[in-house]
Amino acid sequence: MNKKLIYSLVGLALVFFITSLFIFLKSGSDSKKKEGATLKDKSGKEIIESSIIKVKTFFFIETSRFMRPVQQEIELTGIKEECYRKFIDLLIKGEEKYISPVPGGVRLRSVYFIERKKMLVLDFSEELSLNFPAGTCSELEFIYFIVDNICFNFKEVRKVKFLISGNEYRTLSGHIDMENAFYPDYRYLRDE
């Protein structure tokens, strides 16, 4: 056989092998996407296939000014904002034998994640301002209870902005400026 013909056949075989390998590897990564974490819907919002994840929620205890961890599970389904909503609902509900700084009757109205700012916007019901106890400590405990829990469990969130009934509030009870977003302050957490 002619050397040119042999080189051509070897080259074609090599191209065929590389193409087949690429297609095989590509189809494997596509199936992982379908089985695993996140996909995007038609509007570009991240959606998460149904799965259960473990989270650490941190709550205050009577004998300390620090928050202690409680292992919990949440089911992730649908749009990513729903994951945040379910997590916040756990915080609002509270945990037996622990103290939650969220006033009674407070509901989460809506959740927005602004990806380019890595900011989560939480819109609470008006009960937050109506039922909030007075004092700087109460405000700080509430703010960092929410912010630290979210940022600890969802690394894509770097800061949290609070709204009440769709509006910005200057303060909850007259002490801490609520007009800007808050970054976590993990000094409140004790991971024991």
N, C-alpha and C. Protein backbone atom coordinates (compact mmCIF):
# COMPACT_ATOMS: atom_id res chain seq x y z
N MET A 1 0.83 -1.19 0.00
CA MET A 1 0.00 0.00 0.00
C MET A 1 0.86 1.24 0.00
N ASN A 2 0.31 2.26 -0.52
CA ASN A 2 0.97 3.53 -0.64
C ASN A 2 1.03 4.22 0.73
N LYS A 3 2.18 4.86 1.05
CA LYS A 3 2.35 5.52 2.36
C LYS A 3 1.34 6.66 2.54
N LYS A 4 1.04 7.40 1.47
CA LYS A 4 0.06 8.49 1.57
C LYS A 4 -1.30 7.94 1.96
N LEU A 5 -1.69 6.83 1.38
CA LEU A 5 -2.97 6.22 1.67
C LEU A 5 -3.02 5.75 3.12
N ILE A 6 -1.93 5.17 3.60
CA ILE A 6 -1.87 4.69 4.99
C ILE A 6 -1.98 5.87 5.94
N TYR A 7 -1.23 6.96 5.69
CA TYR A 7 -1.32 8.14 6.55
C TYR A 7 -2.72 8.76 6.52
N SER A 8 -3.35 8.76 5.36
CA SER A 8 -4.71 9.30 5.25
C SER A 8 -5.69 8.47 6.07
N LEU A 9 -5.58 7.13 5.96
CA LEU A 9 -6.48 6.26 6.72
C LEU A 9 -6.25 6.39 8.23
N VAL A 10 -4.98 6.47 8.64
CA VAL A 10 -4.67 6.64 10.05
C VAL A 10 -5.20 8.00 10.54
N GLY A 11 -5.04 9.04 9.73
CA GLY A 11 -5.54 10.36 10.08
C GLY A 11 -7.06 10.36 10.21
N LEU A 12 -7.76 9.74 9.26
CA LEU A 12 -9.22 9.64 9.34
C LEU A 12 -9.66 8.85 10.58
N ALA A 13 -8.96 7.77 10.85
CA ALA A 13 -9.29 6.97 12.03
C ALA A 13 -9.09 7.79 13.30
N LEU A 14 -8.02 8.56 13.34
CA LEU A 14 -7.74 9.40 14.50
C LEU A 14 -8.81 10.48 14.67
N VAL A 15 -9.21 11.13 13.58
CA VAL A 15 -10.27 12.14 13.63
C VAL A 15 -11.57 11.49 14.09
N PHE A 16 -11.89 10.31 13.55
CA PHE A 16 -13.10 9.61 13.96
C PHE A 16 -13.06 9.27 15.45
N PHE A 17 -11.92 8.79 15.94
CA PHE A 17 -11.76 8.43 17.35
C PHE A 17 -11.93 9.65 18.25
N ILE A 18 -11.29 10.75 17.91
CA ILE A 18 -11.37 11.97 18.72
C ILE A 18 -12.80 12.51 18.72
N THR A 19 -13.47 12.50 17.56
CA THR A 19 -14.85 12.97 17.47
C THR A 19 -15.77 12.09 18.31
N SER A 20 -15.58 10.79 18.21
CA SER A 20 -16.40 9.86 19.01
C SER A 20 -16.18 10.08 20.50
N LEU A 21 -14.92 10.25 20.89
CA LEU A 21 -14.59 10.49 22.29
C LEU A 21 -15.24 11.78 22.79
N PHE A 22 -15.16 12.84 21.99
CA PHE A 22 -15.76 14.12 22.35
C PHE A 22 -17.28 13.98 22.53
N ILE A 23 -17.94 13.29 21.59
CA ILE A 23 -19.39 13.10 21.66
C ILE A 23 -19.75 12.28 22.91
N PHE A 24 -18.98 11.25 23.19
CA PHE A 24 -19.21 10.42 24.37
C PHE A 24 -19.08 11.23 25.66
N LEU A 25 -18.01 12.01 25.76
CA LEU A 25 -17.79 12.82 26.96
C LEU A 25 -18.85 13.90 27.10
N LYS A 26 -19.25 14.51 26.00
CA LYS A 26 -20.27 15.56 26.01
C LYS A 26 -21.61 14.98 26.46
N SER A 27 -21.99 13.81 25.98
CA SER A 27 -23.26 13.22 26.38
C SER A 27 -23.23 12.83 27.85
N GLY A 28 -22.08 12.44 28.37
CA GLY A 28 -21.95 12.13 29.80
C GLY A 28 -22.15 13.34 30.65
N SER A 29 -21.61 14.50 30.25
CA SER A 29 -21.78 15.72 31.05
C SER A 29 -23.21 16.22 30.96
N ASP A 30 -23.89 16.00 29.82
CA ASP A 30 -25.29 16.40 29.70
C ASP A 30 -26.18 15.58 30.64
N SER A 31 -25.89 14.28 30.76
CA SER A 31 -26.69 13.46 31.65
C SER A 31 -26.44 13.86 33.09
N LYS A 32 -25.22 14.29 33.43
CA LYS A 32 -24.95 14.76 34.79
C LYS A 32 -25.76 16.01 35.08
N LYS A 33 -25.89 16.89 34.09
CA LYS A 33 -26.68 18.10 34.30
C LYS A 33 -28.13 17.73 34.59
N LYS A 34 -28.66 16.73 33.87
CA LYS A 34 -30.05 16.35 34.08
C LYS A 34 -30.24 15.72 35.45
N GLU A 35 -29.26 14.94 35.93
CA GLU A 35 -29.39 14.29 37.23
C GLU A 35 -29.14 15.26 38.36
N GLY A 36 -28.27 16.21 38.18
CA GLY A 36 -27.74 16.98 39.29
C GLY A 36 -28.37 18.32 39.50
N ALA A 37 -27.53 19.23 39.90
CA ALA A 37 -27.89 20.46 40.55
C ALA A 37 -28.76 21.40 39.73
N THR A 38 -28.17 22.22 38.85
CA THR A 38 -28.95 23.32 38.31
C THR A 38 -29.06 23.28 36.79
N LEU A 39 -30.18 23.78 36.33
CA LEU A 39 -30.45 24.00 34.92
C LEU A 39 -31.04 25.41 34.80
N LYS A 40 -31.31 25.85 33.58
CA LYS A 40 -31.93 27.17 33.41
C LYS A 40 -33.24 26.99 32.64
N ASP A 41 -34.27 27.76 33.05
CA ASP A 41 -35.52 27.72 32.31
C ASP A 41 -35.44 28.66 31.10
N LYS A 42 -36.54 28.81 30.39
CA LYS A 42 -36.54 29.62 29.16
C LYS A 42 -36.17 31.07 29.41
N SER A 43 -36.53 31.60 30.58
CA SER A 43 -36.23 33.00 30.88
C SER A 43 -34.81 33.19 31.41
N GLY A 44 -34.06 32.08 31.59
CA GLY A 44 -32.69 32.18 32.06
C GLY A 44 -32.55 32.04 33.56
N LYS A 45 -33.67 31.89 34.31
CA LYS A 45 -33.59 31.72 35.76
C LYS A 45 -33.12 30.31 36.06
N GLU A 46 -32.28 30.21 37.11
CA GLU A 46 -31.80 28.89 37.51
C GLU A 46 -32.93 28.10 38.14
N ILE A 47 -33.02 26.84 37.73
CA ILE A 47 -33.96 25.94 38.37
C ILE A 47 -33.16 24.76 38.92
N ILE A 48 -33.68 24.15 39.93
CA ILE A 48 -32.99 23.05 40.58
C ILE A 48 -33.90 21.85 40.55
N GLU A 49 -33.36 20.72 40.13
CA GLU A 49 -34.15 19.51 40.13
C GLU A 49 -34.40 19.09 41.57
N SER A 50 -35.46 18.34 41.77
CA SER A 50 -35.84 17.93 43.11
C SER A 50 -34.74 17.13 43.80
N SER A 51 -34.37 17.58 44.97
CA SER A 51 -33.41 16.86 45.80
C SER A 51 -33.50 17.41 47.22
N ILE A 52 -32.98 16.66 48.14
CA ILE A 52 -32.96 17.06 49.54
C ILE A 52 -31.52 17.46 49.88
N ILE A 53 -31.35 18.62 50.50
CA ILE A 53 -30.01 19.00 50.94
C ILE A 53 -30.03 19.27 52.44
N LYS A 54 -28.89 19.08 53.05
CA LYS A 54 -28.74 19.39 54.47
C LYS A 54 -28.23 20.82 54.59
N VAL A 55 -28.82 21.55 55.52
CA VAL A 55 -28.40 22.92 55.80
C VAL A 55 -28.17 23.05 57.30
N LYS A 56 -27.41 24.06 57.66
CA LYS A 56 -27.22 24.39 59.07
C LYS A 56 -27.94 25.70 59.32
N THR A 57 -28.93 25.64 60.18
CA THR A 57 -29.57 26.87 60.62
C THR A 57 -29.00 27.20 62.00
N PHE A 58 -28.73 28.45 62.21
CA PHE A 58 -28.15 28.90 63.48
C PHE A 58 -29.19 29.69 64.26
N PHE A 59 -29.39 29.31 65.52
CA PHE A 59 -30.35 29.97 66.39
C PHE A 59 -29.67 30.40 67.69
N PHE A 60 -30.23 31.40 68.31
CA PHE A 60 -29.73 31.85 69.61
C PHE A 60 -30.18 30.89 70.70
N ILE A 61 -29.40 30.85 71.78
CA ILE A 61 -29.81 30.11 72.96
C ILE A 61 -29.82 31.07 74.14
N GLU A 62 -30.55 30.70 75.20
CA GLU A 62 -30.72 31.60 76.34
C GLU A 62 -29.42 31.93 77.06
N THR A 63 -28.50 31.00 77.11
CA THR A 63 -27.29 31.18 77.93
C THR A 63 -26.12 31.80 77.19
N SER A 64 -26.33 32.25 75.94
CA SER A 64 -25.21 32.80 75.17
C SER A 64 -25.71 33.86 74.20
N ARG A 65 -24.82 34.75 73.83
CA ARG A 65 -25.19 35.75 72.81
C ARG A 65 -24.83 35.27 71.41
N PHE A 66 -24.32 34.04 71.31
CA PHE A 66 -23.93 33.45 70.03
C PHE A 66 -25.01 32.49 69.53
N MET A 67 -25.03 32.30 68.21
CA MET A 67 -25.97 31.35 67.61
C MET A 67 -25.32 29.97 67.50
N ARG A 68 -26.13 28.95 67.73
CA ARG A 68 -25.67 27.55 67.68
C ARG A 68 -26.33 26.85 66.50
N PRO A 69 -25.62 25.88 65.87
CA PRO A 69 -26.16 25.23 64.67
C PRO A 69 -27.20 24.15 64.98
N VAL A 70 -28.14 24.03 64.05
CA VAL A 70 -29.14 22.97 64.06
C VAL A 70 -29.16 22.41 62.64
N GLN A 71 -28.89 21.10 62.50
CA GLN A 71 -28.93 20.45 61.18
C GLN A 71 -30.39 20.30 60.75
N GLN A 72 -30.68 20.68 59.51
CA GLN A 72 -32.03 20.53 58.96
C GLN A 72 -31.92 20.14 57.50
N GLU A 73 -33.03 19.75 56.93
CA GLU A 73 -33.07 19.40 55.51
C GLU A 73 -34.15 20.23 54.84
N ILE A 74 -33.85 20.61 53.59
CA ILE A 74 -34.89 21.26 52.78
C ILE A 74 -34.92 20.58 51.43
N GLU A 75 -36.11 20.54 50.86
CA GLU A 75 -36.27 19.96 49.53
C GLU A 75 -36.11 21.08 48.52
N LEU A 76 -35.25 20.85 47.56
CA LEU A 76 -35.01 21.83 46.51
C LEU A 76 -35.79 21.42 45.27
N THR A 77 -36.73 22.25 44.87
CA THR A 77 -37.48 22.02 43.63
C THR A 77 -37.71 23.36 42.96
N GLY A 78 -37.80 23.34 41.64
CA GLY A 78 -38.17 24.53 40.90
C GLY A 78 -37.10 25.61 40.87
N ILE A 79 -37.53 26.85 40.90
CA ILE A 79 -36.66 28.01 40.76
C ILE A 79 -35.82 28.21 42.01
N LYS A 80 -34.61 28.67 41.83
CA LYS A 80 -33.67 28.82 42.94
C LYS A 80 -34.20 29.71 44.05
N GLU A 81 -34.96 30.75 43.72
CA GLU A 81 -35.52 31.62 44.75
C GLU A 81 -36.41 30.84 45.71
N GLU A 82 -37.01 29.74 45.22
CA GLU A 82 -37.83 28.90 46.10
C GLU A 82 -36.97 28.24 47.18
N CYS A 83 -35.72 27.90 46.84
CA CYS A 83 -34.81 27.33 47.84
C CYS A 83 -34.57 28.34 48.95
N TYR A 84 -34.31 29.58 48.56
CA TYR A 84 -34.11 30.63 49.56
C TYR A 84 -35.36 30.81 50.40
N ARG A 85 -36.52 30.79 49.76
CA ARG A 85 -37.79 30.97 50.47
C ARG A 85 -37.98 29.86 51.50
N LYS A 86 -37.74 28.62 51.11
CA LYS A 86 -37.90 27.49 52.04
C LYS A 86 -36.93 27.62 53.22
N PHE A 87 -35.74 28.07 52.92
CA PHE A 87 -34.75 28.23 53.98
C PHE A 87 -35.18 29.33 54.96
N ILE A 88 -35.63 30.47 54.44
CA ILE A 88 -36.09 31.57 55.30
C ILE A 88 -37.31 31.13 56.10
N ASP A 89 -38.18 30.34 55.49
CA ASP A 89 -39.34 29.83 56.22
C ASP A 89 -38.91 29.00 57.43
N LEU A 90 -37.83 28.21 57.28
CA LEU A 90 -37.28 27.47 58.43
C LEU A 90 -36.85 28.42 59.54
N LEU A 91 -36.19 29.51 59.14
CA LEU A 91 -35.73 30.48 60.14
C LEU A 91 -36.91 31.16 60.84
N ILE A 92 -37.92 31.54 60.08
CA ILE A 92 -39.09 32.21 60.65
C ILE A 92 -39.83 31.26 61.58
N LYS A 93 -39.97 30.01 61.17
CA LYS A 93 -40.68 29.01 61.99
C LYS A 93 -39.97 28.80 63.32
N GLY A 94 -38.65 28.88 63.31
CA GLY A 94 -37.89 28.68 64.54
C GLY A 94 -37.65 27.21 64.82
N GLU A 95 -37.02 26.96 65.92
CA GLU A 95 -36.66 25.60 66.32
C GLU A 95 -36.90 25.47 67.82
N GLU A 96 -37.50 24.36 68.21
CA GLU A 96 -37.79 24.12 69.63
C GLU A 96 -36.50 24.18 70.45
N LYS A 97 -36.56 24.78 71.61
CA LYS A 97 -35.45 24.94 72.55
C LYS A 97 -34.44 26.00 72.12
N TYR A 98 -34.72 26.71 71.05
CA TYR A 98 -33.84 27.78 70.59
C TYR A 98 -34.64 29.07 70.49
N ILE A 99 -33.92 30.18 70.42
CA ILE A 99 -34.56 31.50 70.36
C ILE A 99 -34.41 32.08 68.96
N SER A 100 -35.51 32.53 68.41
CA SER A 100 -35.50 33.18 67.10
C SER A 100 -35.80 34.67 67.29
N PRO A 101 -35.00 35.55 66.72
CA PRO A 101 -35.26 36.99 66.87
C PRO A 101 -36.29 37.54 65.89
N VAL A 102 -37.03 36.65 65.22
CA VAL A 102 -38.05 37.10 64.27
C VAL A 102 -39.36 37.30 65.03
N PRO A 103 -39.95 38.49 64.99
CA PRO A 103 -41.21 38.74 65.70
C PRO A 103 -42.34 37.85 65.18
N GLY A 104 -43.28 37.55 66.05
CA GLY A 104 -44.43 36.73 65.67
C GLY A 104 -45.25 37.36 64.56
N GLY A 105 -45.79 36.51 63.70
CA GLY A 105 -46.66 36.97 62.62
C GLY A 105 -45.94 37.44 61.36
N VAL A 106 -44.61 37.46 61.38
CA VAL A 106 -43.84 37.93 60.21
C VAL A 106 -43.88 36.86 59.12
N ARG A 107 -44.12 37.30 57.90
CA ARG A 107 -44.10 36.42 56.73
C ARG A 107 -43.09 36.97 55.72
N LEU A 108 -42.57 36.08 54.91
CA LEU A 108 -41.73 36.50 53.79
C LEU A 108 -42.64 36.67 52.59
N ARG A 109 -42.72 37.87 52.06
CA ARG A 109 -43.59 38.16 50.92
C ARG A 109 -42.96 37.70 49.62
N SER A 110 -41.68 38.05 49.41
CA SER A 110 -41.01 37.67 48.16
C SER A 110 -39.50 37.68 48.35
N VAL A 111 -38.85 37.01 47.40
CA VAL A 111 -37.39 36.85 47.42
C VAL A 111 -36.88 37.12 46.01
N TYR A 112 -35.80 37.90 45.91
CA TYR A 112 -35.17 38.18 44.62
C TYR A 112 -33.67 38.00 44.77
N PHE A 113 -33.06 37.29 43.84
CA PHE A 113 -31.61 37.17 43.83
C PHE A 113 -31.08 37.96 42.65
N ILE A 114 -30.25 38.97 42.93
CA ILE A 114 -29.64 39.78 41.88
C ILE A 114 -28.23 39.23 41.69
N GLU A 115 -28.08 38.41 40.66
CA GLU A 115 -26.85 37.64 40.48
C GLU A 115 -25.62 38.51 40.28
N ARG A 116 -25.72 39.55 39.49
CA ARG A 116 -24.53 40.37 39.21
C ARG A 116 -24.03 41.10 40.46
N LYS A 117 -24.93 41.37 41.41
CA LYS A 117 -24.52 42.01 42.67
C LYS A 117 -24.30 40.99 43.79
N LYS A 118 -24.64 39.72 43.49
CA LYS A 118 -24.56 38.64 44.49
C LYS A 118 -25.35 39.02 45.74
N MET A 119 -26.52 39.62 45.50
CA MET A 119 -27.35 40.15 46.58
C MET A 119 -28.72 39.49 46.59
N LEU A 120 -29.15 39.09 47.77
CA LEU A 120 -30.48 38.54 47.96
C LEU A 120 -31.34 39.64 48.58
N VAL A 121 -32.49 39.90 47.97
CA VAL A 121 -33.42 40.90 48.47
C VAL A 121 -34.60 40.16 49.09
N LEU A 122 -34.85 40.43 50.37
CA LEU A 122 -35.94 39.79 51.10
C LEU A 122 -37.00 40.83 51.43
N ASP A 123 -38.21 40.56 51.02
CA ASP A 123 -39.33 41.46 51.27
C ASP A 123 -40.24 40.82 52.31
N PHE A 124 -40.24 41.36 53.53
CA PHE A 124 -41.04 40.83 54.62
C PHE A 124 -42.37 41.57 54.73
N SER A 125 -43.34 40.94 55.40
CA SER A 125 -44.64 41.56 55.63
C SER A 125 -44.50 42.70 56.63
N GLU A 126 -45.51 43.55 56.70
CA GLU A 126 -45.44 44.73 57.56
C GLU A 126 -45.39 44.40 59.04
N GLU A 127 -45.72 43.17 59.42
CA GLU A 127 -45.62 42.75 60.82
C GLU A 127 -44.19 42.90 61.35
N LEU A 128 -43.22 42.86 60.45
CA LEU A 128 -41.83 43.03 60.90
C LEU A 128 -41.64 44.39 61.57
N SER A 129 -42.18 45.44 60.97
CA SER A 129 -42.02 46.76 61.58
C SER A 129 -43.03 47.01 62.70
N LEU A 130 -44.22 46.45 62.56
CA LEU A 130 -45.27 46.68 63.57
C LEU A 130 -44.97 45.95 64.88
N ASN A 131 -44.43 44.75 64.82
CA ASN A 131 -44.23 43.92 66.01
C ASN A 131 -42.78 43.89 66.49
N PHE A 132 -41.92 44.73 65.91
CA PHE A 132 -40.51 44.63 66.26
C PHE A 132 -40.24 45.27 67.62
N PRO A 133 -39.51 44.55 68.50
CA PRO A 133 -39.19 45.13 69.82
C PRO A 133 -38.16 46.24 69.68
N ALA A 134 -38.20 47.18 70.58
CA ALA A 134 -37.26 48.31 70.53
C ALA A 134 -35.87 47.86 70.97
N GLY A 135 -34.85 48.53 70.43
CA GLY A 135 -33.50 48.29 70.90
C GLY A 135 -32.52 47.94 69.80
N THR A 136 -31.30 48.45 69.96
CA THR A 136 -30.23 48.19 69.01
C THR A 136 -29.89 46.71 68.95
N CYS A 137 -29.80 46.06 70.11
CA CYS A 137 -29.46 44.63 70.15
C CYS A 137 -30.48 43.79 69.39
N SER A 138 -31.76 44.10 69.56
CA SER A 138 -32.82 43.37 68.86
C SER A 138 -32.66 43.50 67.35
N GLU A 139 -32.36 44.72 66.90
CA GLU A 139 -32.18 44.93 65.46
C GLU A 139 -30.98 44.16 64.93
N LEU A 140 -29.86 44.26 65.63
CA LEU A 140 -28.65 43.55 65.19
C LEU A 140 -28.84 42.04 65.20
N GLU A 141 -29.50 41.52 66.23
CA GLU A 141 -29.74 40.08 66.29
C GLU A 141 -30.60 39.62 65.12
N PHE A 142 -31.65 40.37 64.81
CA PHE A 142 -32.50 40.00 63.68
C PHE A 142 -31.71 40.05 62.36
N ILE A 143 -31.03 41.16 62.12
CA ILE A 143 -30.30 41.34 60.86
C ILE A 143 -29.29 40.22 60.65
N TYR A 144 -28.44 39.98 61.65
CA TYR A 144 -27.38 38.99 61.45
C TYR A 144 -27.87 37.56 61.59
N PHE A 145 -29.00 37.36 62.25
CA PHE A 145 -29.65 36.05 62.24
C PHE A 145 -29.99 35.66 60.81
N ILE A 146 -30.61 36.58 60.08
CA ILE A 146 -31.00 36.31 58.69
C ILE A 146 -29.77 36.28 57.78
N VAL A 147 -28.95 37.32 57.81
CA VAL A 147 -27.82 37.47 56.88
C VAL A 147 -26.80 36.34 57.06
N ASP A 148 -26.39 36.08 58.29
CA ASP A 148 -25.38 35.04 58.52
C ASP A 148 -25.88 33.66 58.11
N ASN A 149 -27.13 33.35 58.43
CA ASN A 149 -27.68 32.04 58.04
C ASN A 149 -27.69 31.87 56.53
N ILE A 150 -28.15 32.88 55.82
CA ILE A 150 -28.22 32.78 54.36
C ILE A 150 -26.83 32.68 53.74
N CYS A 151 -25.95 33.59 54.09
CA CYS A 151 -24.62 33.62 53.48
C CYS A 151 -23.79 32.40 53.85
N PHE A 152 -24.01 31.83 55.03
CA PHE A 152 -23.29 30.62 55.44
C PHE A 152 -23.71 29.43 54.58
N ASN A 153 -24.99 29.31 54.27
CA ASN A 153 -25.51 28.15 53.55
C ASN A 153 -25.55 28.31 52.04
N PHE A 154 -25.59 29.52 51.54
CA PHE A 154 -25.67 29.76 50.10
C PHE A 154 -24.51 30.68 49.72
N LYS A 155 -23.42 30.08 49.30
CA LYS A 155 -22.17 30.83 49.06
C LYS A 155 -22.28 31.84 47.92
N GLU A 156 -23.26 31.66 47.03
CA GLU A 156 -23.42 32.62 45.94
C GLU A 156 -23.98 33.96 46.44
N VAL A 157 -24.56 33.98 47.64
CA VAL A 157 -25.10 35.20 48.22
C VAL A 157 -24.03 35.85 49.09
N ARG A 158 -23.67 37.07 48.75
CA ARG A 158 -22.64 37.79 49.51
C ARG A 158 -23.21 38.87 50.42
N LYS A 159 -24.45 39.33 50.11
CA LYS A 159 -25.07 40.36 50.93
C LYS A 159 -26.58 40.24 50.84
N VAL A 160 -27.27 40.82 51.82
CA VAL A 160 -28.73 40.72 51.91
C VAL A 160 -29.32 42.11 52.12
N LYS A 161 -30.36 42.39 51.37
CA LYS A 161 -31.09 43.67 51.46
C LYS A 161 -32.49 43.37 51.99
N PHE A 162 -32.96 44.18 52.92
CA PHE A 162 -34.27 43.99 53.53
C PHE A 162 -35.27 45.01 53.01
N LEU A 163 -36.47 44.54 52.70
CA LEU A 163 -37.61 45.41 52.37
C LEU A 163 -38.77 45.01 53.28
N ILE A 164 -39.68 45.94 53.50
CA ILE A 164 -40.90 45.65 54.25
C ILE A 164 -42.07 46.11 53.41
N SER A 165 -42.96 45.19 53.09
CA SER A 165 -44.12 45.46 52.22
C SER A 165 -43.70 46.12 50.91
N GLY A 166 -42.57 45.69 50.36
CA GLY A 166 -42.09 46.19 49.08
C GLY A 166 -41.36 47.51 49.14
N ASN A 167 -41.16 48.06 50.34
CA ASN A 167 -40.53 49.37 50.49
C ASN A 167 -39.26 49.29 51.32
N GLU A 168 -38.36 50.24 51.05
CA GLU A 168 -37.19 50.37 51.91
C GLU A 168 -37.61 51.08 53.19
N TYR A 169 -37.09 50.63 54.29
CA TYR A 169 -37.33 51.28 55.59
C TYR A 169 -36.01 51.80 56.10
N ARG A 170 -36.04 52.96 56.68
CA ARG A 170 -34.81 53.56 57.21
C ARG A 170 -34.28 52.74 58.38
N THR A 171 -35.17 52.23 59.23
CA THR A 171 -34.77 51.48 60.41
C THR A 171 -35.93 50.60 60.88
N LEU A 172 -35.64 49.57 61.64
CA LEU A 172 -36.69 48.73 62.19
C LEU A 172 -37.30 49.34 63.45
N SER A 173 -36.44 49.80 64.36
CA SER A 173 -36.97 50.40 65.59
C SER A 173 -36.18 51.63 66.01
N GLY A 174 -35.57 52.31 65.01
CA GLY A 174 -34.94 53.58 65.29
C GLY A 174 -33.44 53.59 65.50
N HIS A 175 -32.74 52.47 65.25
CA HIS A 175 -31.32 52.44 65.57
C HIS A 175 -30.39 52.11 64.40
N ILE A 176 -30.62 51.00 63.71
CA ILE A 176 -29.72 50.53 62.65
C ILE A 176 -30.27 50.94 61.28
N ASP A 177 -29.43 51.56 60.47
CA ASP A 177 -29.81 51.99 59.12
C ASP A 177 -30.04 50.77 58.24
N MET A 178 -31.27 50.62 57.74
CA MET A 178 -31.66 49.46 56.94
C MET A 178 -31.68 49.76 55.44
N GLU A 179 -31.24 50.93 55.03
CA GLU A 179 -31.35 51.30 53.62
C GLU A 179 -30.33 50.60 52.73
N ASN A 180 -29.22 50.16 53.31
CA ASN A 180 -28.19 49.45 52.52
C ASN A 180 -28.25 47.96 52.79
N ALA A 181 -27.61 47.21 51.92
CA ALA A 181 -27.52 45.75 52.10
C ALA A 181 -26.51 45.45 53.20
N PHE A 182 -26.66 44.28 53.81
CA PHE A 182 -25.78 43.85 54.89
C PHE A 182 -24.93 42.66 54.46
N TYR A 183 -23.65 42.71 54.82
CA TYR A 183 -22.72 41.60 54.62
C TYR A 183 -22.72 40.75 55.88
N PRO A 184 -22.37 39.48 55.79
CA PRO A 184 -22.37 38.63 56.99
C PRO A 184 -21.32 39.06 58.00
N ASP A 185 -21.59 38.73 59.24
CA ASP A 185 -20.65 38.93 60.34
C ASP A 185 -20.69 37.64 61.16
N TYR A 186 -19.81 36.71 60.80
CA TYR A 186 -19.86 35.38 61.39
C TYR A 186 -19.41 35.31 62.83
N ARG A 187 -19.08 36.44 63.42
CA ARG A 187 -18.72 36.43 64.85
C ARG A 187 -19.88 36.00 65.71
N TYR A 188 -21.11 36.10 65.20
CA TYR A 188 -22.30 35.69 65.95
C TYR A 188 -22.47 34.16 65.96
N LEU A 189 -21.77 33.44 65.09
CA LEU A 189 -21.96 32.00 64.94
C LEU A 189 -20.96 31.21 65.77
N ARG A 190 -21.43 30.11 66.34
CA ARG A 190 -20.56 29.15 67.00
C ARG A 190 -20.91 27.80 66.41
N ASP A 191 -20.03 27.26 65.60
CA ASP A 191 -20.27 26.00 64.89
C ASP A 191 -19.80 24.83 65.75
N GLU A 192 -20.56 24.50 66.79
CA GLU A 192 -20.18 23.43 67.71
C GLU A 192 -21.19 22.31 67.66
